[in-house]
N, C-alpha and C. Protein backbone atom coordinates (compact mmCIF):
# COMPACT_ATOMS: atom_id res chain seq x y z
N UNK A 1 134.32 94.70 121.88
CA UNK A 1 133.19 94.03 121.15
C UNK A 1 131.76 94.57 120.77
N UNK A 2 131.13 94.54 119.95
CA UNK A 2 129.54 95.06 119.62
C UNK A 2 128.54 93.92 119.77
N UNK A 3 128.10 94.30 120.02
CA UNK A 3 126.65 93.08 120.10
C UNK A 3 125.58 93.69 119.02
N UNK A 4 125.27 92.66 118.26
CA UNK A 4 124.09 92.85 117.22
C UNK A 4 122.88 92.04 117.39
N UNK A 5 122.12 93.32 117.31
CA UNK A 5 120.44 93.05 117.70
C UNK A 5 119.86 92.58 115.92
N UNK A 6 118.47 91.56 116.75
CA UNK A 6 118.40 90.78 115.67
C UNK A 6 117.45 91.24 114.37
N UNK A 7 116.83 92.51 114.38
CA UNK A 7 116.54 93.23 112.89
C UNK A 7 117.59 93.99 112.60
N UNK A 8 118.81 94.32 112.56
CA UNK A 8 119.49 94.64 111.98
C UNK A 8 120.14 93.33 111.06
N UNK A 9 120.50 92.28 111.67
CA UNK A 9 120.93 90.97 111.26
C UNK A 9 120.08 90.07 109.77
N UNK A 10 118.65 90.41 110.52
CA UNK A 10 117.76 90.38 109.59
C UNK A 10 117.85 91.25 108.09
N UNK A 11 118.05 92.63 108.48
CA UNK A 11 117.76 93.47 107.14
C UNK A 11 118.98 92.74 106.36
N UNK A 12 119.90 92.44 106.63
CA UNK A 12 121.25 92.18 106.09
C UNK A 12 120.81 90.63 105.00
N UNK A 13 120.03 89.67 105.98
CA UNK A 13 120.00 88.73 105.72
C UNK A 13 118.63 88.40 104.54
N UNK A 14 117.32 89.11 104.99
CA UNK A 14 116.83 89.14 104.11
C UNK A 14 116.92 89.89 102.74
N UNK A 15 117.92 91.06 103.10
CA UNK A 15 117.72 91.66 101.61
C UNK A 15 116.70 92.91 102.05
N UNK A 16 116.37 93.24 103.42
CA UNK A 16 115.29 94.52 103.11
C UNK A 16 115.56 95.79 102.75
N UNK A 17 114.49 96.26 101.59
CA UNK A 17 114.57 96.98 100.82
C UNK A 17 115.01 98.57 101.45
N UNK A 18 114.70 98.71 102.32
CA UNK A 18 114.73 100.02 103.58
C UNK A 18 115.80 100.12 104.17
N UNK A 19 116.18 99.00 104.77
CA UNK A 19 117.33 99.17 105.47
C UNK A 19 118.63 98.41 105.55
N UNK A 20 118.41 97.21 104.40
CA UNK A 20 120.04 96.79 104.29
C UNK A 20 121.02 96.95 103.84
N UNK A 21 120.89 98.06 103.26
CA UNK A 21 122.15 98.91 103.04
C UNK A 21 123.14 99.48 104.48
N UNK A 22 122.41 100.17 104.69
CA UNK A 22 122.95 100.96 106.25
C UNK A 22 122.97 99.98 107.28
N UNK A 23 122.12 98.36 107.59
CA UNK A 23 122.69 97.95 108.16
C UNK A 23 123.78 97.21 108.11
N UNK A 24 124.15 96.65 106.55
CA UNK A 24 125.29 96.14 106.15
C UNK A 24 126.51 97.06 106.35
N UNK A 25 126.68 98.37 105.80
CA UNK A 25 127.57 99.26 106.21
C UNK A 25 127.73 99.19 107.55
N UNK A 26 127.14 99.70 108.79
CA UNK A 26 127.59 99.46 109.84
C UNK A 26 127.74 97.93 110.76
N UNK A 27 127.57 97.23 110.41
CA UNK A 27 128.07 95.76 110.34
C UNK A 27 129.64 95.95 109.86
N UNK A 28 129.64 96.10 109.08
CA UNK A 28 130.89 96.58 108.07
C UNK A 28 131.85 97.07 108.88
N UNK A 29 131.63 98.22 109.26
CA UNK A 29 132.36 99.39 109.92
C UNK A 29 132.46 98.62 110.97
N UNK A 30 131.84 98.27 112.01
CA UNK A 30 132.28 97.80 113.26
C UNK A 30 133.02 96.34 113.21
N UNK A 31 132.83 95.84 112.39
CA UNK A 31 133.62 94.32 112.12
C UNK A 31 135.26 94.70 112.09
N UNK A 32 135.31 96.05 111.04
CA UNK A 32 136.66 96.39 110.64
C UNK A 32 137.37 97.19 112.07
N UNK A 33 136.68 97.35 113.43
CA UNK A 33 137.01 98.08 114.31
C UNK A 33 137.53 96.99 115.66
N UNK A 34 136.30 95.86 115.61
CA UNK A 34 136.01 94.89 116.81
C UNK A 34 135.39 93.70 116.31
N UNK A 35 135.38 92.67 117.21
CA UNK A 35 134.64 91.84 117.22
C UNK A 35 133.34 92.19 117.36
N UNK A 36 132.45 91.57 116.49
CA UNK A 36 131.03 91.77 116.55
C UNK A 36 130.30 90.10 116.75
N UNK A 37 129.27 90.53 117.69
CA UNK A 37 128.92 89.11 118.26
C UNK A 37 127.16 89.02 118.44
N UNK A 38 126.94 87.92 118.42
CA UNK A 38 125.45 87.84 118.77
C UNK A 38 125.36 86.86 119.89
N UNK A 39 124.11 86.85 120.79
CA UNK A 39 123.82 85.94 122.03
C UNK A 39 122.95 84.93 121.46
N UNK A 40 122.32 84.11 122.14
CA UNK A 40 121.77 82.84 122.07
C UNK A 40 119.88 83.73 121.85
N UNK A 41 119.70 84.80 122.30
CA UNK A 41 118.66 85.28 122.07
C UNK A 41 118.26 85.97 120.39
N UNK A 42 119.38 86.27 120.06
CA UNK A 42 119.58 86.83 118.86
C UNK A 42 119.46 85.22 117.33
N UNK A 43 119.94 84.77 118.12
CA UNK A 43 120.45 83.18 117.25
C UNK A 43 118.92 83.10 116.90
N UNK A 44 118.41 82.72 118.13
CA UNK A 44 116.85 81.67 118.33
C UNK A 44 116.01 82.89 117.04
N UNK A 45 115.81 84.11 117.47
CA UNK A 45 115.01 85.26 116.85
C UNK A 45 115.13 84.74 115.52
N UNK A 46 116.53 85.30 115.13
CA UNK A 46 116.96 85.18 113.34
C UNK A 46 116.67 83.64 112.58
N UNK A 47 117.11 82.72 113.82
CA UNK A 47 117.04 81.16 112.88
C UNK A 47 115.44 80.83 112.34
N UNK A 48 114.36 81.65 113.58
CA UNK A 48 113.21 81.27 113.10
C UNK A 48 112.63 81.93 112.06
N UNK A 49 113.08 83.09 111.82
CA UNK A 49 112.81 83.48 110.86
C UNK A 49 113.32 83.35 108.91
N UNK A 50 114.27 82.32 109.50
CA UNK A 50 114.95 82.02 108.30
C UNK A 50 114.15 80.48 107.91
N UNK A 51 114.57 80.21 106.66
CA UNK A 51 114.33 78.99 105.95
C UNK A 51 114.65 78.02 106.31
N UNK A 52 114.35 76.58 107.00
CA UNK A 52 114.60 75.97 108.02
C UNK A 52 115.71 74.83 107.55
N UNK A 53 116.21 75.13 106.20
CA UNK A 53 117.31 74.75 105.66
C UNK A 53 118.31 75.33 105.36
N UNK A 54 118.37 76.37 106.16
CA UNK A 54 119.66 77.73 106.55
C UNK A 54 119.92 77.55 107.75
N UNK A 55 121.35 77.60 107.63
CA UNK A 55 121.89 77.36 109.06
C UNK A 55 122.79 78.54 109.56
N UNK A 56 121.92 79.35 110.44
CA UNK A 56 122.96 80.75 110.76
C UNK A 56 124.09 80.82 111.22
N UNK A 57 124.57 79.68 111.78
CA UNK A 57 125.63 79.42 112.24
C UNK A 57 126.77 79.87 111.39
N UNK A 58 126.66 79.22 110.32
CA UNK A 58 127.53 78.95 109.25
C UNK A 58 127.46 80.51 108.41
N UNK A 59 126.35 81.18 108.25
CA UNK A 59 126.27 82.19 107.91
C UNK A 59 127.20 83.40 108.76
N UNK A 60 126.66 83.21 109.82
CA UNK A 60 127.51 84.05 110.87
C UNK A 60 129.06 83.87 110.75
N UNK A 61 129.57 82.92 110.79
CA UNK A 61 130.88 82.44 110.42
C UNK A 61 131.41 83.09 109.36
N UNK A 62 130.94 83.25 108.09
CA UNK A 62 131.14 83.65 106.89
C UNK A 62 131.28 84.87 106.83
N UNK A 63 130.25 85.51 107.61
CA UNK A 63 130.60 87.40 107.70
C UNK A 63 131.11 87.68 108.80
N UNK A 64 131.90 86.94 109.36
CA UNK A 64 132.70 87.50 110.71
C UNK A 64 131.83 87.62 111.97
N UNK A 65 130.67 87.31 112.08
CA UNK A 65 130.10 87.57 113.40
C UNK A 65 130.11 86.19 114.38
N UNK A 66 130.71 86.31 115.62
CA UNK A 66 130.76 84.94 116.49
C UNK A 66 129.61 84.98 117.29
N UNK A 67 129.53 84.10 117.92
CA UNK A 67 128.24 83.70 118.99
C UNK A 67 128.96 84.03 120.12
N UNK A 68 128.24 84.69 121.12
CA UNK A 68 129.03 84.67 122.09
C UNK A 68 128.01 84.43 123.65
N UNK A 69 127.92 83.67 124.34
CA UNK A 69 126.71 83.53 125.10
C UNK A 69 126.55 84.07 126.29
N UNK A 70 125.08 84.36 126.70
CA UNK A 70 125.11 85.37 127.86
C UNK A 70 125.51 85.02 129.24
N UNK A 71 125.99 85.72 130.13
CA UNK A 71 126.50 85.50 131.13
C UNK A 71 125.01 85.50 132.28
N UNK A 72 125.34 84.43 133.32
CA UNK A 72 124.59 84.32 134.18
C UNK A 72 124.02 86.15 134.80
N UNK A 73 125.01 86.77 134.98
CA UNK A 73 124.97 88.18 135.71
C UNK A 73 123.84 88.81 134.40
N UNK A 74 124.59 88.57 132.96
CA UNK A 74 123.34 89.54 131.94
C UNK A 74 121.91 88.65 132.03
N UNK A 75 121.70 87.64 132.42
CA UNK A 75 120.57 87.32 132.29
C UNK A 75 119.57 87.27 133.57
N UNK A 76 120.47 87.37 134.75
CA UNK A 76 119.91 88.10 136.04
C UNK A 76 119.07 89.42 135.47
N UNK A 77 120.03 90.56 134.85
CA UNK A 77 119.74 91.44 134.37
C UNK A 77 118.66 91.67 133.69
N UNK A 78 118.49 91.12 132.64
CA UNK A 78 117.51 90.98 132.06
C UNK A 78 116.35 90.69 132.80
N UNK A 79 116.37 89.66 133.51
CA UNK A 79 115.16 89.42 134.44
C UNK A 79 114.41 90.77 135.19
N UNK A 80 115.42 91.20 135.61
CA UNK A 80 115.19 92.17 136.54
C UNK A 80 114.89 93.73 135.39
N UNK A 81 115.20 93.71 134.55
CA UNK A 81 114.66 94.70 133.46
C UNK A 81 113.59 94.50 133.11
N UNK A 82 113.19 93.32 132.93
CA UNK A 82 111.48 92.86 132.26
C UNK A 82 110.59 92.98 133.36
N UNK A 83 110.91 92.65 134.49
CA UNK A 83 109.67 92.87 135.75
C UNK A 83 109.85 94.16 135.70
N UNK A 84 110.79 95.16 135.54
CA UNK A 84 110.66 96.61 135.78
C UNK A 84 110.07 97.07 134.66
N UNK A 85 110.18 96.71 133.26
CA UNK A 85 109.27 96.82 132.13
C UNK A 85 107.74 96.72 133.13
N UNK A 86 107.88 95.14 133.23
CA UNK A 86 106.22 95.33 132.98
C UNK A 86 105.12 96.12 134.77
N UNK A 87 106.00 96.44 135.23
CA UNK A 87 105.90 97.23 136.31
C UNK A 87 105.52 98.52 135.82
N UNK A 88 105.84 99.39 135.13
CA UNK A 88 105.64 100.40 134.47
C UNK A 88 104.70 100.39 133.44
N UNK A 89 104.05 99.19 133.72
CA UNK A 89 102.90 99.23 132.45
C UNK A 89 103.49 98.55 131.29
N UNK A 90 104.49 98.23 130.76
CA UNK A 90 104.93 97.73 129.48
C UNK A 90 103.86 96.37 129.36
N UNK A 91 103.42 96.60 127.87
CA UNK A 91 102.83 95.73 127.32
C UNK A 91 103.54 94.19 126.47
N UNK A 92 102.72 93.64 126.16
CA UNK A 92 103.42 92.34 125.45
C UNK A 92 104.34 92.38 124.20
N UNK A 93 104.16 93.78 123.45
CA UNK A 93 105.35 93.94 122.46
C UNK A 93 106.62 93.53 123.00
N UNK A 94 106.99 93.45 123.85
CA UNK A 94 108.45 93.77 124.51
C UNK A 94 108.51 92.23 124.76
N UNK A 95 109.20 91.27 124.44
CA UNK A 95 109.62 90.04 125.24
C UNK A 95 111.03 89.69 125.37
N UNK A 96 111.18 88.31 126.57
CA UNK A 96 112.23 88.72 127.43
C UNK A 96 113.53 88.73 126.69
N UNK A 97 113.95 88.18 125.20
CA UNK A 97 114.77 87.95 123.98
C UNK A 97 115.38 89.61 124.12
N UNK A 98 114.14 90.39 123.83
CA UNK A 98 114.62 91.89 124.05
C UNK A 98 115.72 92.40 125.38
N UNK A 99 115.18 92.00 126.46
CA UNK A 99 116.05 92.71 127.59
C UNK A 99 116.82 91.53 127.46
N UNK A 100 117.03 90.35 127.15
CA UNK A 100 118.80 89.69 127.57
C UNK A 100 119.47 90.01 126.20
N UNK A 101 119.22 90.54 125.08
CA UNK A 101 119.86 91.47 124.30
C UNK A 101 120.66 92.30 124.70
N UNK A 102 120.10 93.24 125.35
CA UNK A 102 120.21 94.53 125.85
C UNK A 102 121.10 94.25 126.97
N UNK A 103 120.90 93.42 128.31
CA UNK A 103 121.52 92.91 129.24
C UNK A 103 123.13 92.75 128.48
N UNK A 104 122.90 91.54 127.76
CA UNK A 104 124.06 90.95 127.15
C UNK A 104 124.82 92.22 127.00
N UNK A 105 124.37 93.03 126.05
CA UNK A 105 125.28 94.28 124.99
C UNK A 105 125.84 94.97 126.62
N UNK A 106 124.96 95.60 127.66
CA UNK A 106 125.77 96.26 128.48
C UNK A 106 126.50 95.63 129.37
N UNK A 107 126.21 94.29 129.95
CA UNK A 107 127.53 93.86 130.33
C UNK A 107 128.64 93.14 129.96
N UNK A 108 128.60 92.49 128.72
CA UNK A 108 129.57 92.06 128.10
C UNK A 108 130.11 92.45 126.85
N UNK A 109 129.61 93.22 126.41
CA UNK A 109 130.29 94.02 125.11
C UNK A 109 130.15 95.51 125.28
N UNK A 110 130.91 96.66 124.27
CA UNK A 110 131.19 97.59 124.29
C UNK A 110 130.08 98.61 123.66
N UNK A 111 129.08 97.67 122.94
CA UNK A 111 127.78 98.46 122.79
C UNK A 111 126.87 97.45 121.92
N UNK A 112 125.65 98.15 121.23
CA UNK A 112 124.97 97.16 120.70
C UNK A 112 124.74 97.88 119.01
N UNK A 113 124.50 97.41 118.17
CA UNK A 113 124.39 97.62 116.88
C UNK A 113 122.66 97.62 116.58
N UNK A 114 121.88 98.61 116.78
CA UNK A 114 120.62 98.43 116.69
C UNK A 114 119.55 99.61 115.68
N UNK A 115 118.40 98.91 115.55
CA UNK A 115 117.27 100.30 115.52
C UNK A 115 116.30 100.50 116.12
N UNK A 116 116.43 99.74 117.17
CA UNK A 116 115.48 100.24 118.34
C UNK A 116 116.26 100.88 119.30
N UNK A 117 116.33 101.99 119.28
CA UNK A 117 117.35 102.79 120.16
C UNK A 117 116.46 103.57 121.55
N UNK A 118 115.71 103.72 121.19
CA UNK A 118 114.51 104.24 121.76
C UNK A 118 114.41 103.35 122.65
N UNK A 119 114.06 102.19 122.96
CA UNK A 119 114.00 101.15 123.79
C UNK A 119 115.35 100.82 124.67
N UNK A 120 116.19 100.60 124.09
CA UNK A 120 117.56 100.60 124.69
C UNK A 120 117.64 101.58 125.59
N UNK A 121 117.56 102.83 124.76
CA UNK A 121 118.11 103.88 125.86
C UNK A 121 117.20 103.93 127.12
N UNK A 122 116.13 103.57 126.80
CA UNK A 122 115.17 103.61 127.97
C UNK A 122 115.70 102.91 129.32
N UNK A 123 115.74 101.47 129.01
CA UNK A 123 116.15 100.65 129.85
C UNK A 123 117.53 100.10 129.96
N UNK A 124 118.41 100.46 128.99
CA UNK A 124 119.88 100.01 129.35
C UNK A 124 120.75 101.36 129.32
N UNK A 125 120.54 102.62 130.16
CA UNK A 125 121.04 103.82 130.16
C UNK A 125 122.81 103.44 130.62
N UNK A 126 123.34 104.13 129.40
CA UNK A 126 124.54 103.96 129.38
C UNK A 126 125.36 103.05 128.51
N UNK A 127 124.31 102.21 127.99
CA UNK A 127 124.50 101.61 127.13
C UNK A 127 124.97 102.20 125.72
N UNK A 128 126.05 101.82 125.04
CA UNK A 128 126.20 102.85 123.68
C UNK A 128 125.61 102.09 122.62
N UNK A 129 124.59 102.95 121.83
CA UNK A 129 124.08 102.37 120.99
C UNK A 129 124.89 103.15 119.24
N UNK A 130 124.59 101.78 118.56
CA UNK A 130 125.17 102.06 117.11
C UNK A 130 123.99 101.90 116.12
N UNK A 131 123.65 103.01 115.33
CA UNK A 131 122.17 103.00 114.84
C UNK A 131 122.57 103.07 113.42
N UNK A 132 122.10 101.87 112.52
CA UNK A 132 122.52 102.16 111.23
C UNK A 132 121.36 103.46 110.73
N UNK A 133 122.24 104.63 109.91
CA UNK A 133 121.60 105.26 109.46
C UNK A 133 121.77 104.95 107.73
N UNK A 134 120.19 106.00 106.84
CA UNK A 134 120.20 105.42 105.74
C UNK A 134 120.63 106.63 105.03
């Protein structure tokens, strides 16, 4: 099972001119090999960026991506990592959702499709990262 980060999904859904093609190919490659999932943080972030008449759940189902809730252990890990980030002087540009996505991918999945590999590599050492390439 591979987790999907919000910006990669948004690339595809909004047709980002710079990243959509690579993100779509990366998601397609992952779907050909295994399940691709999103957690509630991704659902919330992406739904907030879409028109209110758009049902993200229907879109996810149509492309073969399913919802996988964050476990209690992953939520706890996200909180600990967020606290560590703040203790290291981290600024508010990072929100708890970023840590939920990383912890969900690390503890419940086999990797994360993301363009934010620097952040996830730093805070979730050992997490397999799949970065769409142009």
